[in-house]
Amino acid sequence: MASTADAAFSGAQYLMGLQVFVKLTTFSMNAVVICLAGHKAFGVASVQFELLLSTILFLSREGMRSALLRIDVNRGTDDRVQSDADRSSVQSRRPPVYEQRIINAALVPIGVG
């Protein structure tokens, strides 16, 4: 029991250390950019970058939301009981072709971003 708790605590320490490292690296890089580029140019670039990130995030969420709304859950189902062989087959776990096309189209903005 103690080894599991020690392993979990060690993993949490690594994650916290990584977060501190990332925050310090980001802060130092921003400080270097401010010194080299100036306050006004850095501010404009920062606002434009945030706008770009927000736009990509919105397009990704909107694409996924609209794709999920178009999927008809009741399509292709009937009242018959499936056998265990039907349930375990790979084909029954895959979405139909029309659903997969909608999902693929919704994932395009994430890849572009």
PDB file of N, CA and C in Angstrom:
ATOM      1  N   MET A   1       0.823  -1.199   0.000  1.00  0.00           N
ATOM      2  CA  MET A   1       0.000   0.000   0.000  1.00  0.00           C
ATOM      3  C   MET A   1       0.856   1.247   0.000  1.00  0.00           C
ATOM      4  N   ALA A   2       1.937   1.201   0.754  1.00  0.00           N
ATOM      5  CA  ALA A   2       2.806   2.374   0.852  1.00  0.00           C
ATOM      6  C   ALA A   2       3.509   2.637  -0.472  1.00  0.00           C
ATOM      7  N   SER A   3       3.839   1.587  -1.203  1.00  0.00           N
ATOM      8  CA  SER A   3       4.532   1.796  -2.478  1.00  0.00           C
ATOM      9  C   SER A   3       3.606   2.459  -3.501  1.00  0.00           C
ATOM     10  N   THR A   4       2.324   2.136  -3.460  1.00  0.00           N
ATOM     11  CA  THR A   4       1.372   2.774  -4.369  1.00  0.00           C
ATOM     12  C   THR A   4       1.205   4.246  -4.027  1.00  0.00           C
ATOM     13  N   ALA A   5       1.113   4.552  -2.750  1.00  0.00           N
ATOM     14  CA  ALA A   5       0.983   5.945  -2.321  1.00  0.00           C
ATOM     15  C   ALA A   5       2.255   6.719  -2.634  1.00  0.00           C
ATOM     16  N   ASP A   6       3.407   6.087  -2.445  1.00  0.00           N
ATOM     17  CA  ASP A   6       4.677   6.751  -2.767  1.00  0.00           C
ATOM     18  C   ASP A   6       4.789   7.022  -4.269  1.00  0.00           C
ATOM     19  N   ALA A   7       4.350   6.060  -5.076  1.00  0.00           N
ATOM     20  CA  ALA A   7       4.400   6.239  -6.523  1.00  0.00           C
ATOM     21  C   ALA A   7       3.458   7.360  -6.962  1.00  0.00           C
ATOM     22  N   ALA A   8       2.275   7.422  -6.357  1.00  0.00           N
ATOM     23  CA  ALA A   8       1.326   8.483  -6.702  1.00  0.00           C
ATOM     24  C   ALA A   8       1.860   9.844  -6.284  1.00  0.00           C
ATOM     25  N   PHE A   9       2.459   9.904  -5.103  1.00  0.00           N
ATOM     26  CA  PHE A   9       3.025  11.173  -4.627  1.00  0.00           C
ATOM     27  C   PHE A   9       4.203  11.598  -5.499  1.00  0.00           C
ATOM     28  N   SER A  10       5.011  10.636  -5.903  1.00  0.00           N
ATOM     29  CA  SER A  10       6.143  10.941  -6.783  1.00  0.00           C
ATOM     30  C   SER A  10       5.644  11.468  -8.132  1.00  0.00           C
ATOM     31  N   GLY A  11       4.595  10.847  -8.672  1.00  0.00           N
ATOM     32  CA  GLY A  11       4.020  11.322  -9.931  1.00  0.00           C
ATOM     33  C   GLY A  11       3.448  12.722  -9.795  1.00  0.00           C
ATOM     34  N   ALA A  12       2.799  13.000  -8.668  1.00  0.00           N
ATOM     35  CA  ALA A  12       2.256  14.337  -8.433  1.00  0.00           C
ATOM     36  C   ALA A  12       3.373  15.358  -8.316  1.00  0.00           C
ATOM     37  N   GLN A  13       4.489  14.979  -7.691  1.00  0.00           N
ATOM     38  CA  GLN A  13       5.631  15.894  -7.601  1.00  0.00           C
ATOM     39  C   GLN A  13       6.176  16.221  -8.985  1.00  0.00           C
ATOM     40  N   TYR A  14       6.275  15.220  -9.840  1.00  0.00           N
ATOM     41  CA  TYR A  14       6.755  15.458 -11.202  1.00  0.00           C
ATOM     42  C   TYR A  14       5.817  16.396 -11.958  1.00  0.00           C
ATOM     43  N   LEU A  15       4.515  16.200 -11.806  1.00  0.00           N
ATOM     44  CA  LEU A  15       3.555  17.060 -12.492  1.00  0.00           C
ATOM     45  C   LEU A  15       3.631  18.499 -11.995  1.00  0.00           C
ATOM     46  N   MET A  16       3.761  18.673 -10.678  1.00  0.00           N
ATOM     47  CA  MET A  16       3.881  20.032 -10.134  1.00  0.00           C
ATOM     48  C   MET A  16       5.180  20.684 -10.583  1.00  0.00           C
ATOM     49  N   GLY A  17       6.260  19.916 -10.583  1.00  0.00           N
ATOM     50  CA  GLY A  17       7.540  20.442 -11.056  1.00  0.00           C
ATOM     51  C   GLY A  17       7.480  20.832 -12.525  1.00  0.00           C
ATOM     52  N   LEU A  18       6.811  20.024 -13.321  1.00  0.00           N
ATOM     53  CA  LEU A  18       6.653  20.346 -14.736  1.00  0.00           C
ATOM     54  C   LEU A  18       5.844  21.619 -14.926  1.00  0.00           C
ATOM     55  N   GLN A  19       4.776  21.799 -14.145  1.00  0.00           N
ATOM     56  CA  GLN A  19       3.972  23.017 -14.231  1.00  0.00           C
ATOM     57  C   GLN A  19       4.791  24.244 -13.857  1.00  0.00           C
ATOM     58  N   VAL A  20       5.589  24.149 -12.804  1.00  0.00           N
ATOM     59  CA  VAL A  20       6.436  25.276 -12.394  1.00  0.00           C
ATOM     60  C   VAL A  20       7.452  25.582 -13.488  1.00  0.00           C
ATOM     61  N   PHE A  21       8.048  24.545 -14.067  1.00  0.00           N
ATOM     62  CA  PHE A  21       9.021  24.744 -15.138  1.00  0.00           C
ATOM     63  C   PHE A  21       8.387  25.421 -16.353  1.00  0.00           C
ATOM     64  N   VAL A  22       7.213  24.978 -16.735  1.00  0.00           N
ATOM     65  CA  VAL A  22       6.536  25.563 -17.895  1.00  0.00           C
ATOM     66  C   VAL A  22       6.181  27.028 -17.642  1.00  0.00           C
ATOM     67  N   LYS A  23       5.675  27.314 -16.449  1.00  0.00           N
ATOM     68  CA  LYS A  23       5.310  28.706 -16.123  1.00  0.00           C
ATOM     69  C   LYS A  23       6.539  29.606 -16.100  1.00  0.00           C
ATOM     70  N   LEU A  24       7.641  29.142 -15.517  1.00  0.00           N
ATOM     71  CA  LEU A  24       8.866  29.946 -15.482  1.00  0.00           C
ATOM     72  C   LEU A  24       9.446  30.143 -16.883  1.00  0.00           C
ATOM     73  N   THR A  25       9.396  29.099 -17.704  1.00  0.00           N
ATOM     74  CA  THR A  25       9.886  29.217 -19.076  1.00  0.00           C
ATOM     75  C   THR A  25       9.041  30.204 -19.868  1.00  0.00           C
ATOM     76  N   THR A  26       7.738  30.132 -19.730  1.00  0.00           N
ATOM     77  CA  THR A  26       6.849  31.065 -20.423  1.00  0.00           C
ATOM     78  C   THR A  26       7.105  32.499 -19.973  1.00  0.00           C
ATOM     79  N   PHE A  27       7.258  32.693 -18.669  1.00  0.00           N
ATOM     80  CA  PHE A  27       7.523  34.029 -18.150  1.00  0.00           C
ATOM     81  C   PHE A  27       8.841  34.570 -18.683  1.00  0.00           C
ATOM     82  N   SER A  28       9.888  33.743 -18.674  1.00  0.00           N
ATOM     83  CA  SER A  28      11.189  34.227 -19.146  1.00  0.00           C
ATOM     84  C   SER A  28      11.174  34.511 -20.643  1.00  0.00           C
ATOM     85  N   MET A  29      10.499  33.687 -21.421  1.00  0.00           N
ATOM     86  CA  MET A  29      10.405  33.940 -22.867  1.00  0.00           C
ATOM     87  C   MET A  29       9.624  35.218 -23.150  1.00  0.00           C
ATOM     88  N   ASN A  30       8.545  35.445 -22.411  1.00  0.00           N
ATOM     89  CA  ASN A  30       7.791  36.687 -22.580  1.00  0.00           C
ATOM     90  C   ASN A  30       8.633  37.901 -22.205  1.00  0.00           C
ATOM     91  N   ALA A  31       9.447  37.775 -21.157  1.00  0.00           N
ATOM     92  CA  ALA A  31      10.319  38.884 -20.758  1.00  0.00           C
ATOM     93  C   ALA A  31      11.348  39.180 -21.843  1.00  0.00           C
ATOM     94  N   VAL A  32      11.906  38.154 -22.452  1.00  0.00           N
ATOM     95  CA  VAL A  32      12.875  38.352 -23.539  1.00  0.00           C
ATOM     96  C   VAL A  32      12.198  39.009 -24.733  1.00  0.00           C
ATOM     97  N   VAL A  33      11.006  38.567 -25.089  1.00  0.00           N
ATOM     98  CA  VAL A  33      10.295  39.143 -26.235  1.00  0.00           C
ATOM     99  C   VAL A  33       9.945  40.601 -25.973  1.00  0.00           C
ATOM    100  N   ILE A  34       9.538  40.936 -24.760  1.00  0.00           N
ATOM    101  CA  ILE A  34       9.208  42.330 -24.433  1.00  0.00           C
ATOM    102  C   ILE A  34      10.447  43.208 -24.565  1.00  0.00           C
ATOM    103  N   CYS A  35      11.590  42.699 -24.095  1.00  0.00           N
ATOM    104  CA  CYS A  35      12.828  43.488 -24.203  1.00  0.00           C
ATOM    105  C   CYS A  35      13.237  43.678 -25.649  1.00  0.00           C
ATOM    106  N   LEU A  36      13.075  42.678 -26.480  1.00  0.00           N
ATOM    107  CA  LEU A  36      13.522  42.770 -27.871  1.00  0.00           C
ATOM    108  C   LEU A  36      12.521  43.486 -28.765  1.00  0.00           C
ATOM    109  N   ALA A  37      11.242  43.324 -28.530  1.00  0.00           N
ATOM    110  CA  ALA A  37      10.236  43.843 -29.454  1.00  0.00           C
ATOM    111  C   ALA A  37       9.617  45.153 -28.991  1.00  0.00           C
ATOM    112  N   GLY A  38       9.629  45.428 -27.749  1.00  0.00           N
ATOM    113  CA  GLY A  38       8.969  46.624 -27.254  1.00  0.00           C
ATOM    114  C   GLY A  38       7.568  46.312 -26.771  1.00  0.00           C
ATOM    115  N   HIS A  39       7.068  47.189 -25.925  1.00  0.00           N
ATOM    116  CA  HIS A  39       5.775  46.943 -25.285  1.00  0.00           C
ATOM    117  C   HIS A  39       4.612  46.995 -26.270  1.00  0.00           C
ATOM    118  N   LYS A  40       4.623  47.967 -27.165  1.00  0.00           N
ATOM    119  CA  LYS A  40       3.486  48.139 -28.073  1.00  0.00           C
ATOM    120  C   LYS A  40       3.376  46.977 -29.059  1.00  0.00           C
ATOM    121  N   ALA A  41       4.476  46.585 -29.664  1.00  0.00           N
ATOM    122  CA  ALA A  41       4.457  45.478 -30.623  1.00  0.00           C
ATOM    123  C   ALA A  41       4.088  44.164 -29.940  1.00  0.00           C
ATOM    124  N   PHE A  42       4.594  43.963 -28.731  1.00  0.00           N
ATOM    125  CA  PHE A  42       4.260  42.747 -27.994  1.00  0.00           C
ATOM    126  C   PHE A  42       2.781  42.699 -27.644  1.00  0.00           C
ATOM    127  N   GLY A  43       2.223  43.837 -27.262  1.00  0.00           N
ATOM    128  CA  GLY A  43       0.802  43.897 -26.924  1.00  0.00           C
ATOM    129  C   GLY A  43      -0.088  43.586 -28.116  1.00  0.00           C
ATOM    130  N   VAL A  44       0.241  44.176 -29.268  1.00  0.00           N
ATOM    131  CA  VAL A  44      -0.554  43.925 -30.480  1.00  0.00           C
ATOM    132  C   VAL A  44      -0.460  42.464 -30.884  1.00  0.00           C
ATOM    133  N   ALA A  45       0.752  41.899 -30.867  1.00  0.00           N
ATOM    134  CA  ALA A  45       0.930  40.495 -31.251  1.00  0.00           C
ATOM    135  C   ALA A  45       0.219  39.575 -30.261  1.00  0.00           C
ATOM    136  N   SER A  46       0.246  39.921 -28.992  1.00  0.00           N
ATOM    137  CA  SER A  46      -0.410  39.096 -27.982  1.00  0.00           C
ATOM    138  C   SER A  46      -1.923  39.077 -28.170  1.00  0.00           C
ATOM    139  N   VAL A  47      -2.496  40.251 -28.458  1.00  0.00           N
ATOM    140  CA  VAL A  47      -3.943  40.317 -28.677  1.00  0.00           C
ATOM    141  C   VAL A  47      -4.331  39.549 -29.935  1.00  0.00           C
ATOM    142  N   GLN A  48      -3.545  39.687 -30.994  1.00  0.00           N
ATOM    143  CA  GLN A  48      -3.848  38.965 -32.230  1.00  0.00           C
ATOM    144  C   GLN A  48      -3.725  37.456 -32.030  1.00  0.00           C
ATOM    145  N   PHE A  49      -2.734  37.037 -31.252  1.00  0.00           N
ATOM    146  CA  PHE A  49      -2.557  35.617 -30.980  1.00  0.00           C
ATOM    147  C   PHE A  49      -3.725  35.059 -30.175  1.00  0.00           C
ATOM    148  N   GLU A  50      -4.176  35.797 -29.180  1.00  0.00           N
ATOM    149  CA  GLU A  50      -5.326  35.358 -28.382  1.00  0.00           C
ATOM    150  C   GLU A  50      -6.590  35.284 -29.229  1.00  0.00           C
ATOM    151  N   LEU A  51      -6.756  36.236 -30.144  1.00  0.00           N
ATOM    152  CA  LEU A  51      -7.906  36.202 -31.047  1.00  0.00           C
ATOM    153  C   LEU A  51      -7.854  34.971 -31.943  1.00  0.00           C
ATOM    154  N   LEU A  52      -6.675  34.658 -32.443  1.00  0.00           N
ATOM    155  CA  LEU A  52      -6.517  33.478 -33.287  1.00  0.00           C
ATOM    156  C   LEU A  52      -6.826  32.203 -32.502  1.00  0.00           C
ATOM    157  N   LEU A  53      -6.313  32.101 -31.284  1.00  0.00           N
ATOM    158  CA  LEU A  53      -6.589  30.923 -30.467  1.00  0.00           C
ATOM    159  C   LEU A  53      -8.073  30.786 -30.150  1.00  0.00           C
ATOM    160  N   SER A  54      -8.724  31.889 -29.837  1.00  0.00           N
ATOM    161  CA  SER A  54     -10.154  31.846 -29.525  1.00  0.00           C
ATOM    162  C   SER A  54     -10.970  31.432 -30.749  1.00  0.00           C
ATOM    163  N   THR A  55     -10.577  31.923 -31.916  1.00  0.00           N
ATOM    164  CA  THR A  55     -11.284  31.576 -33.151  1.00  0.00           C
ATOM    165  C   THR A  55     -11.142  30.089 -33.457  1.00  0.00           C
ATOM    166  N   ILE A  56      -9.938  29.564 -33.338  1.00  0.00           N
ATOM    167  CA  ILE A  56      -9.716  28.140 -33.610  1.00  0.00           C
ATOM    168  C   ILE A  56     -10.493  27.281 -32.624  1.00  0.00           C
ATOM    169  N   LEU A  57     -10.466  27.665 -31.359  1.00  0.00           N
ATOM    170  CA  LEU A  57     -11.197  26.912 -30.350  1.00  0.00           C
ATOM    171  C   LEU A  57     -12.702  26.947 -30.615  1.00  0.00           C
ATOM    172  N   PHE A  58     -13.220  28.107 -30.996  1.00  0.00           N
ATOM    173  CA  PHE A  58     -14.648  28.215 -31.290  1.00  0.00           C
ATOM    174  C   PHE A  58     -15.024  27.344 -32.486  1.00  0.00           C
ATOM    175  N   LEU A  59     -14.219  27.405 -33.554  1.00  0.00           N
ATOM    176  CA  LEU A  59     -14.534  26.609 -34.745  1.00  0.00           C
ATOM    177  C   LEU A  59     -14.478  25.113 -34.437  1.00  0.00           C
ATOM    178  N   SER A  60     -13.539  24.716 -33.623  1.00  0.00           N
ATOM    179  CA  SER A  60     -13.442  23.294 -33.264  1.00  0.00           C
ATOM    180  C   SER A  60     -14.650  22.850 -32.461  1.00  0.00           C
ATOM    181  N   ARG A  61     -15.027  23.644 -31.478  1.00  0.00           N
ATOM    182  CA  ARG A  61     -16.184  23.282 -30.657  1.00  0.00           C
ATOM    183  C   ARG A  61     -17.473  23.320 -31.459  1.00  0.00           C
ATOM    184  N   GLU A  62     -17.625  24.325 -32.296  1.00  0.00           N
ATOM    185  CA  GLU A  62     -18.859  24.450 -33.076  1.00  0.00           C
ATOM    186  C   GLU A  62     -18.993  23.309 -34.077  1.00  0.00           C
ATOM    187  N   GLY A  63     -17.888  22.927 -34.698  1.00  0.00           N
ATOM    188  CA  GLY A  63     -17.929  21.799 -35.632  1.00  0.00           C
ATOM    189  C   GLY A  63     -18.307  20.509 -34.942  1.00  0.00           C
ATOM    190  N   MET A  64     -17.725  20.278 -33.792  1.00  0.00           N
ATOM    191  CA  MET A  64     -18.044  19.057 -33.058  1.00  0.00           C
ATOM    192  C   MET A  64     -19.487  19.091 -32.541  1.00  0.00           C
ATOM    193  N   ARG A  65     -19.935  20.229 -32.065  1.00  0.00           N
ATOM    194  CA  ARG A  65     -21.305  20.351 -31.567  1.00  0.00           C
ATOM    195  C   ARG A  65     -22.318  20.084 -32.672  1.00  0.00           C
ATOM    196  N   SER A  66     -22.097  20.697 -33.839  1.00  0.00           N
ATOM    197  CA  SER A  66     -23.051  20.499 -34.935  1.00  0.00           C
ATOM    198  C   SER A  66     -23.006  19.070 -35.456  1.00  0.00           C
ATOM    199  N   ALA A  67     -21.836  18.449 -35.439  1.00  0.00           N
ATOM    200  CA  ALA A  67     -21.742  17.049 -35.870  1.00  0.00           C
ATOM    201  C   ALA A  67     -22.485  16.136 -34.917  1.00  0.00           C
ATOM    202  N   LEU A  68     -22.353  16.393 -33.640  1.00  0.00           N
ATOM    203  CA  LEU A  68     -23.052  15.550 -32.662  1.00  0.00           C
ATOM    204  C   LEU A  68     -24.559  15.748 -32.719  1.00  0.00           C
ATOM    205  N   LEU A  69     -24.999  16.948 -33.064  1.00  0.00           N
ATOM    206  CA  LEU A  69     -26.437  17.187 -33.185  1.00  0.00           C
ATOM    207  C   LEU A  69     -27.039  16.480 -34.393  1.00  0.00           C
ATOM    208  N   ARG A  70     -26.235  16.249 -35.426  1.00  0.00           N
ATOM    209  CA  ARG A  70     -26.749  15.622 -36.644  1.00  0.00           C
ATOM    210  C   ARG A  70     -26.835  14.105 -36.559  1.00  0.00           C
ATOM    211  N   ILE A  71     -26.156  13.520 -35.609  1.00  0.00           N
ATOM    212  CA  ILE A  71     -26.163  12.060 -35.497  1.00  0.00           C
ATOM    213  C   ILE A  71     -27.510  11.612 -34.958  1.00  0.00           C
ATOM    214  N   ASP A  72     -28.148  10.713 -35.695  1.00  0.00           N
ATOM    215  CA  ASP A  72     -29.438  10.170 -35.289  1.00  0.00           C
ATOM    216  C   ASP A  72     -29.185   8.901 -34.482  1.00  0.00           C
ATOM    217  N   VAL A  73     -29.450   8.967 -33.214  1.00  0.00           N
ATOM    218  CA  VAL A  73     -29.169   7.850 -32.322  1.00  0.00           C
ATOM    219  C   VAL A  73     -30.072   6.664 -32.633  1.00  0.00           C
ATOM    220  N   ASN A  74     -31.300   6.911 -33.022  1.00  0.00           N
ATOM    221  CA  ASN A  74     -32.266   5.831 -33.230  1.00  0.00           C
ATOM    222  C   ASN A  74     -32.183   5.203 -34.614  1.00  0.00           C
ATOM    223  N   ARG A  75     -31.376   5.756 -35.503  1.00  0.00           N
ATOM    224  CA  ARG A  75     -31.299   5.222 -36.861  1.00  0.00           C
ATOM    225  C   ARG A  75     -30.597   3.862 -36.848  1.00  0.00           C
ATOM    226  N   GLY A  76     -31.205   2.917 -37.495  1.00  0.00           N
ATOM    227  CA  GLY A  76     -30.617   1.596 -37.646  1.00  0.00           C
ATOM    228  C   GLY A  76     -30.840   0.666 -36.467  1.00  0.00           C
ATOM    229  N   THR A  77     -31.592   1.091 -35.465  1.00  0.00           N
ATOM    230  CA  THR A  77     -31.854   0.196 -34.339  1.00  0.00           C
ATOM    231  C   THR A  77     -33.238  -0.407 -34.492  1.00  0.00           C
ATOM    232  N   ASP A  78     -33.379  -1.601 -33.996  1.00  0.00           N
ATOM    233  CA  ASP A  78     -34.688  -2.239 -33.991  1.00  0.00           C
ATOM    234  C   ASP A  78     -34.862  -2.958 -32.658  1.00  0.00           C
ATOM    235  N   ASP A  79     -35.984  -3.643 -32.495  1.00  0.00           N
ATOM    236  CA  ASP A  79     -36.325  -4.251 -31.219  1.00  0.00           C
ATOM    237  C   ASP A  79     -35.772  -5.660 -31.035  1.00  0.00           C
ATOM    238  N   ARG A  80     -35.077  -6.191 -32.007  1.00  0.00           N
ATOM    239  CA  ARG A  80     -34.584  -7.564 -31.869  1.00  0.00           C
ATOM    240  C   ARG A  80     -33.379  -7.593 -30.924  1.00  0.00           C
ATOM    241  N   VAL A  81     -33.178  -8.719 -30.280  1.00  0.00           N
ATOM    242  CA  VAL A  81     -32.077  -8.901 -29.346  1.00  0.00           C
ATOM    243  C   VAL A  81     -30.862  -9.391 -30.119  1.00  0.00           C
ATOM    244  N   GLN A  82     -29.730  -8.742 -29.886  1.00  0.00           N
ATOM    245  CA  GLN A  82     -28.518  -9.153 -30.580  1.00  0.00           C
ATOM    246  C   GLN A  82     -27.850 -10.291 -29.819  1.00  0.00           C
ATOM    247  N   SER A  83     -27.233 -11.173 -30.555  1.00  0.00           N
ATOM    248  CA  SER A  83     -26.500 -12.263 -29.915  1.00  0.00           C
ATOM    249  C   SER A  83     -25.146 -11.744 -29.435  1.00  0.00           C
ATOM    250  N   ASP A  84     -24.469 -12.553 -28.632  1.00  0.00           N
ATOM    251  CA  ASP A  84     -23.161 -12.169 -28.119  1.00  0.00           C
ATOM    252  C   ASP A  84     -22.141 -12.019 -29.241  1.00  0.00           C
ATOM    253  N   ALA A  85     -22.258 -12.809 -30.284  1.00  0.00           N
ATOM    254  CA  ALA A  85     -21.336 -12.715 -31.411  1.00  0.00           C
ATOM    255  C   ALA A  85     -21.506 -11.378 -32.133  1.00  0.00           C
ATOM    256  N   ASP A  86     -22.754 -10.912 -32.252  1.00  0.00           N
ATOM    257  CA  ASP A  86     -22.994  -9.624 -32.892  1.00  0.00           C
ATOM    258  C   ASP A  86     -22.446  -8.478 -32.055  1.00  0.00           C
ATOM    259  N   ARG A  87     -22.581  -8.588 -30.760  1.00  0.00           N
ATOM    260  CA  ARG A  87     -22.111  -7.515 -29.880  1.00  0.00           C
ATOM    261  C   ARG A  87     -20.598  -7.411 -29.878  1.00  0.00           C
ATOM    262  N   SER A  88     -19.918  -8.532 -30.002  1.00  0.00           N
ATOM    263  CA  SER A  88     -18.474  -8.521 -29.907  1.00  0.00           C
ATOM    264  C   SER A  88     -17.787  -8.255 -31.245  1.00  0.00           C
ATOM    265  N   SER A  89     -18.526  -8.211 -32.317  1.00  0.00           N
ATOM    266  CA  SER A  89     -17.882  -8.007 -33.609  1.00  0.00           C
ATOM    267  C   SER A  89     -17.395  -6.570 -33.741  1.00  0.00           C
ATOM    268  N   VAL A  90     -16.333  -6.420 -34.484  1.00  0.00           N
ATOM    269  CA  VAL A  90     -15.732  -5.093 -34.673  1.00  0.00           C
ATOM    270  C   VAL A  90     -16.667  -4.196 -35.474  1.00  0.00           C
ATOM    271  N   GLN A  91     -17.381  -4.759 -36.405  1.00  0.00           N
ATOM    272  CA  GLN A  91     -18.255  -3.966 -37.261  1.00  0.00           C
ATOM    273  C   GLN A  91     -19.361  -3.291 -36.461  1.00  0.00           C
ATOM    274  N   SER A  92     -19.865  -3.937 -35.413  1.00  0.00           N
ATOM    275  CA  SER A  92     -20.962  -3.342 -34.648  1.00  0.00           C
ATOM    276  C   SER A  92     -20.486  -2.175 -33.796  1.00  0.00           C
ATOM    277  N   ARG A  93     -19.192  -2.082 -33.500  1.00  0.00           N
ATOM    278  CA  ARG A  93     -18.659  -0.981 -32.706  1.00  0.00           C
ATOM    279  C   ARG A  93     -18.346   0.247 -33.546  1.00  0.00           C
ATOM    280  N   ARG A  94     -18.217   0.099 -34.824  1.00  0.00           N
ATOM    281  CA  ARG A  94     -17.904   1.230 -35.693  1.00  0.00           C
ATOM    282  C   ARG A  94     -19.173   2.013 -36.009  1.00  0.00           C
ATOM    283  N   PRO A  95     -19.052   3.355 -36.075  1.00  0.00           N
ATOM    284  CA  PRO A  95     -20.230   4.129 -36.454  1.00  0.00           C
ATOM    285  C   PRO A  95     -20.524   3.938 -37.936  1.00  0.00           C
ATOM    286  N   PRO A  96     -21.765   4.146 -38.351  1.00  0.00           N
ATOM    287  CA  PRO A  96     -22.083   4.060 -39.773  1.00  0.00           C
ATOM    288  C   PRO A  96     -21.285   5.094 -40.570  1.00  0.00           C
ATOM    289  N   VAL A  97     -21.238   4.888 -41.871  1.00  0.00           N
ATOM    290  CA  VAL A  97     -20.414   5.734 -42.735  1.00  0.00           C
ATOM    291  C   VAL A  97     -20.839   7.195 -42.660  1.00  0.00           C
ATOM    292  N   TYR A  98     -22.130   7.474 -42.646  1.00  0.00           N
ATOM    293  CA  TYR A  98     -22.577   8.866 -42.615  1.00  0.00           C
ATOM    294  C   TYR A  98     -22.177   9.540 -41.309  1.00  0.00           C
ATOM    295  N   GLU A  99     -22.217   8.800 -40.198  1.00  0.00           N
ATOM    296  CA  GLU A  99     -21.798   9.375 -38.924  1.00  0.00           C
ATOM    297  C   GLU A  99     -20.298   9.625 -38.903  1.00  0.00           C
ATOM    298  N   GLN A 100     -19.531   8.702 -39.473  1.00  0.00           N
ATOM    299  CA  GLN A 100     -18.081   8.871 -39.493  1.00  0.00           C
ATOM    300  C   GLN A 100     -17.685  10.058 -40.356  1.00  0.00           C
ATOM    301  N   ARG A 101     -18.389  10.306 -41.443  1.00  0.00           N
ATOM    302  CA  ARG A 101     -18.100  11.478 -42.279  1.00  0.00           C
ATOM    303  C   ARG A 101     -18.373  12.772 -41.522  1.00  0.00           C
ATOM    304  N   ILE A 102     -19.449  12.803 -40.763  1.00  0.00           N
ATOM    305  CA  ILE A 102     -19.771  13.999 -39.969  1.00  0.00           C
ATOM    306  C   ILE A 102     -18.700  14.225 -38.906  1.00  0.00           C
ATOM    307  N   ILE A 103     -18.292  13.172 -38.243  1.00  0.00           N
ATOM    308  CA  ILE A 103     -17.261  13.299 -37.211  1.00  0.00           C
ATOM    309  C   ILE A 103     -15.942  13.747 -37.819  1.00  0.00           C
ATOM    310  N   ASN A 104     -15.573  13.193 -38.964  1.00  0.00           N
ATOM    311  CA  ASN A 104     -14.332  13.599 -39.624  1.00  0.00           C
ATOM    312  C   ASN A 104     -14.373  15.067 -40.029  1.00  0.00           C
ATOM    313  N   ALA A 105     -15.511  15.533 -40.537  1.00  0.00           N
ATOM    314  CA  ALA A 105     -15.629  16.933 -40.919  1.00  0.00           C
ATOM    315  C   ALA A 105     -15.564  17.845 -39.703  1.00  0.00           C
ATOM    316  N   ALA A 106     -16.054  17.389 -38.575  1.00  0.00           N
ATOM    317  CA  ALA A 106     -16.007  18.204 -37.350  1.00  0.00           C
ATOM    318  C   ALA A 106     -14.597  18.290 -36.789  1.00  0.00           C
ATOM    319  N   LEU A 107     -13.757  17.309 -37.072  1.00  0.00           N
ATOM    320  CA  LEU A 107     -12.392  17.307 -36.542  1.00  0.00           C
ATOM    321  C   LEU A 107     -11.413  18.089 -37.405  1.00  0.00           C
ATOM    322  N   VAL A 108     -11.811  18.554 -38.570  1.00  0.00           N
ATOM    323  CA  VAL A 108     -10.918  19.296 -39.457  1.00  0.00           C
ATOM    324  C   VAL A 108     -10.389  20.576 -38.797  1.00  0.00           C
ATOM    325  N   PRO A 109     -11.214  21.409 -38.139  1.00  0.00           N
ATOM    326  CA  PRO A 109     -10.665  22.626 -37.535  1.00  0.00           C
ATOM    327  C   PRO A 109      -9.607  22.364 -36.468  1.00  0.00           C
ATOM    328  N   ILE A 110      -9.712  21.253 -35.772  1.00  0.00           N
ATOM    329  CA  ILE A 110      -8.704  20.934 -34.756  1.00  0.00           C
ATOM    330  C   ILE A 110      -7.361  20.686 -35.422  1.00  0.00           C
ATOM    331  N   GLY A 111      -7.361  19.935 -36.505  1.00  0.00           N
ATOM    332  CA  GLY A 111      -6.120  19.686 -37.238  1.00  0.00           C
ATOM    333  C   GLY A 111      -5.537  20.941 -37.869  1.00  0.00           C
ATOM    334  N   VAL A 112      -6.403  21.796 -38.370  1.00  0.00           N
ATOM    335  CA  VAL A 112      -5.941  23.045 -38.975  1.00  0.00           C
ATOM    336  C   VAL A 112      -5.332  23.955 -37.913  1.00  0.00           C
ATOM    337  N   GLY A 113      -5.955  23.956 -36.743  1.00  0.00           N
ATOM    338  CA  GLY A 113      -5.464  24.807 -35.650  1.00  0.00           C
ATOM    339  C   GLY A 113      -4.111  24.368 -35.169  1.00  0.00           C
TER     340      GLY A 113
END
